[in-house]
Amino acid sequence: MAGLTRHDGRTLFAAWLGYLMDGFDFVLITLVLTEVAGTFELSTVTAATLVSAAFISRWFGGLAIGAVGDRYGRKPAMILSIVLYSVGSLACGLSWGYWSMFAARLLLGLGMAGEYSASATYVIESWPAAARNRASSLLISGYAVGAIIAGQLYRFVVPAWGWRAMFFLGVIPIALALWMRRGLRESRDWEEARAAPTRCGMGETAAAQPDFVSVLYRGRHALLNHAVTLAVGLSLFLLFTERAGRLTWPLAALAAAGFVLFAAQFAGRRTPMMVTLMITVFCAFLYSWPIQALLPTYLKTDLDFSPGTVSDMLFFAGFGNVAGCVLVGFLGDRWGTRRTYVASLCVSMLFVLPVFAMDSGQTVWLALLLFFQQMFAQGISGLLPKLIGGYFRTPERAAGLGFTYNVGSLGGAVAPVLGASLAGGHSLGPSLAWLTFSLTLVVIVLIAVDAPLRVQRLMGCRGAAPQGDLTEQPAVDPDQFDPRPRTTPK
């Protein structure tokens, strides 16, 4: 990797290790879902809402911890997020029923959202512009490595000590948090942006601009935004705890309207672009998370695999994810982010249906197919921080990336419940296969046509759309930034 320094390597490793533990903590519930369901006497659909719970709180975690990253620096935000999800993992192990675990998963979701936005922004802004696809992809590979480690520990820990012991292992990141990120400098882009004058501030530095939290909760619309936040939170709670009843679609519309309202206050004239970007990420989660969340359940219930065989299958799937992250990072720097994204997803569609055509006697073929399917379908998620970050300038990137990604991640909350519901108590395989296949095709189209910018130019102010990837532009580029009105704090 010519042109990279030792400090670049340290920067990546520090963030990567945190993201490894993030992945370890987050996937635990998918591994022990059947054991938890048995302990708390839950149906498969109800148990799947525990996977969804972490997604419900992620939108607020991305907003709040992203704002911390934009105002105080990427490093404090990384530390805060890693402590939050570690405490959440410990609370999962101590849970005494469905609702206590649901609450613990909400806390874990807050921390994971912050870790994604803070770590991804930090690494992308610290590496040279020509290598930022690699930085993004190598960072996200840490999540897959954490999932692999969790899967391997599952086969030894759960049979011997039970499912709670897996969550207790998740407290390790608390000790690692202070050690691994000590002595690191702030990202160069963030420091330059804090010192550079911005056109929107009429000579002020980016440090003087209000962060996302200030815009929403300290400005003239603060009372309205507090009420909308409560309404969105309650709507998501009712939706993903199966209490919405006939109000499912009205509550979903209410939550969506709240997100659009928040995006409009943050993005101003670039609202069409930001909303379309959230929809794109939502669809990306819908295609990837049916397999991510329910693959262990499918292997145990439909194929009757033992815990050891499940771990082996998850190892090959996770290893394919890691290999894909590494591959697309290099290809992204050579071919471009969007072109690589589309090409990788096209290849992944060749493997989706064959994965679920295998039976329990074809373990070798299933392992190979899972490796390649995850390599091209999930490994491409390594480019997602770079893709999203390219639409936001440096002073707003952590919150913009965090909010956009984590609102879109609600697709991950919908996916396991939708997958289990479509199965209707029968085999999970067909529903997972067709859900993944169809939504992958949708994402290919959205990214291929650059839907966020296309919609912005059709529905919004054409001049507000960035003319290029802002992660590869100077930290503050007045010619590419639309000076939008923002609600300032009182």
Foldseek 3Di string as FASTA:
>chain_A
DPPDDPLLVLLLVLLLLLLLLLLLLLLLLLQCLVVQCVLQVHDLLLSLLLNLLLLLQLLVLLQVLLLCCLQVHLLVLQLVLSQQLLVLLLQCLVDDHDVSSSVSSNSNSSSSLSSVLSSLLFSLLADAVLQSLLSLLLSNLSSLNSLLVNLVVQQPCCVVPRSSVSSNVSNVSNVSSCVSPPPRDTRPLSVVQQPDAAVLVVRHGLNPDRTLCQLAQFFPCNVVSVVLVVLLSVLSVCQSNVNCVPNVVVSVVSNLVSLLVSLCQVQPLLSLLLSLLLQLLLLLLQQPQLCSRCVSVLCCPVQVDDSVLSSLLSNLLSQLLSLLSNVLSVVCSVPNLLVSLLVLLVQLLVLLLVLLVDHNVPSVVNSVSSSSNSSSSVSSCSSVLQVQQQFDFQSHRSSSSSNSNSSSNSSSSVNNSQLVVVCVPHRSRVSSRVSNNVSSVVSSVCSVVVVSLVSSVVPGDNLQGAPTRNSNPRRHDNSRHDNGDHRGGD
